[in-house]
Amino acid sequence: MTPEILVHDHTDTVGVAVVEGIDAGQELTCWVMDTDETMTITSLDPIPLGHKIAMTDFADGDTVIKYGHDIGRIVAPCSRGGHIHVHNLKTKKW
């Protein structure tokens, strides 16, 4: 089965949509690249190609990990399966 979501590192808290047309309520296959494992997650929102999906529940202020690195903080709560992008993720630099 071809995955819809890639998770680069097993410590990542977000995955990346690698197909177009992900709809809310869709069950998605995720491939965790560093461990070669697969898992499933249900999207809560439409997820555009290249955008992130929450692999865990996030509260305001939580750190987001992608590629095994801190990429920013959550500014609006998001549940597992939700769309993560500029509306709820900001850099910690500013």
Protein backbone atom coordinates (compact mmCIF):
# COMPACT_ATOMS: atom_id res chain seq x y z
CA MET A 1 0.00 0.00 0.00
CA THR A 2 1.28 3.47 -0.90
CA PRO A 3 1.42 5.80 2.13
CA GLU A 4 -0.40 9.13 2.16
CA ILE A 5 1.68 10.49 5.06
CA LEU A 6 5.45 10.35 5.67
CA VAL A 7 6.92 10.61 9.14
CA HIS A 8 10.67 11.08 8.80
CA ASP A 9 11.81 10.22 12.33
CA HIS A 10 10.06 8.13 15.00
CA THR A 11 10.30 11.13 17.38
CA ASP A 12 8.37 13.42 14.99
CA THR A 13 5.05 14.77 16.21
CA VAL A 14 3.87 15.66 12.69
CA GLY A 15 3.79 13.87 9.38
CA VAL A 16 3.73 15.29 5.83
CA ALA A 17 1.00 14.72 3.25
CA VAL A 18 2.56 13.21 0.12
CA VAL A 19 -0.64 12.87 -1.94
CA GLU A 20 -3.29 15.33 -3.05
CA GLY A 21 -6.92 15.19 -2.04
CA ILE A 22 -6.80 14.12 1.62
CA ASP A 23 -10.28 14.71 3.04
CA ALA A 24 -11.56 15.04 6.59
CA GLY A 25 -12.46 11.62 7.99
CA GLN A 26 -10.11 9.75 5.66
CA GLU A 27 -8.07 6.89 7.12
CA LEU A 28 -4.46 7.40 6.09
CA THR A 29 -1.44 5.14 5.97
CA CYS A 30 1.71 6.65 7.48
CA TRP A 31 5.21 5.38 6.81
CA VAL A 32 7.79 6.06 9.54
CA MET A 33 10.92 6.22 7.45
CA ASP A 34 13.67 5.68 10.04
CA THR A 35 12.07 2.56 11.51
CA ASP A 36 10.32 1.33 8.33
CA GLU A 37 7.06 0.97 10.26
CA THR A 38 3.55 1.81 9.10
CA MET A 39 0.61 3.11 11.09
CA THR A 40 -2.79 4.59 10.38
CA ILE A 41 -4.32 7.91 11.34
CA THR A 42 -7.68 9.47 10.55
CA SER A 43 -7.55 13.03 9.23
CA LEU A 44 -9.77 15.53 11.03
CA ASP A 45 -9.40 18.14 8.29
CA PRO A 46 -8.54 18.29 4.61
CA ILE A 47 -4.73 18.16 4.38
CA PRO A 48 -3.16 19.75 1.28
CA LEU A 49 -0.15 18.16 -0.41
CA GLY A 50 3.04 19.07 1.48
CA HIS A 51 1.23 20.22 4.61
CA LYS A 52 1.60 18.67 8.05
CA ILE A 53 -0.78 16.45 10.02
CA ALA A 54 -0.67 16.18 13.81
CA MET A 55 0.47 12.76 14.94
CA THR A 56 -0.42 13.63 18.55
CA ASP A 57 -2.68 16.06 20.41
CA PHE A 58 -1.19 19.55 20.77
CA ALA A 59 -1.94 22.26 23.32
CA ASP A 60 -1.08 25.94 22.98
CA GLY A 61 2.69 26.33 23.47
CA ASP A 62 3.65 22.73 22.65
CA THR A 63 6.78 22.11 20.58
CA VAL A 64 6.42 20.53 17.13
CA ILE A 65 9.08 18.02 16.06
CA LYS A 66 9.76 17.30 12.36
CA TYR A 67 12.86 15.53 10.95
CA GLY A 68 13.76 14.92 14.61
CA HIS A 69 14.11 18.69 15.20
CA ASP A 70 12.13 21.47 16.88
CA ILE A 71 10.40 23.44 14.09
CA GLY A 72 8.22 25.72 16.21
CA ARG A 73 5.41 26.02 18.71
CA ILE A 74 1.68 25.51 18.57
CA VAL A 75 -0.38 28.72 18.89
CA ALA A 76 -3.84 27.11 18.69
CA PRO A 77 -4.71 23.65 20.03
CA CYS A 78 -4.90 20.82 17.51
CA SER A 79 -5.95 17.21 17.94
CA ARG A 80 -4.29 14.12 16.47
CA GLY A 81 -5.20 14.02 12.78
CA GLY A 82 -5.58 17.80 12.47
CA HIS A 83 -4.03 20.12 9.92
CA ILE A 84 -0.82 21.82 11.10
CA HIS A 85 0.24 24.92 9.17
CA VAL A 86 0.75 28.68 9.59
CA HIS A 87 -2.65 29.11 11.30
CA ASN A 88 -1.56 27.07 14.34
CA LEU A 89 2.27 26.74 14.12
CA LYS A 90 4.75 29.58 14.55
CA THR A 91 8.51 29.78 14.73
CA LYS A 92 10.09 30.29 18.14
CA LYS A 93 12.51 32.85 16.68
CA TRP A 94 10.04 35.77 16.80
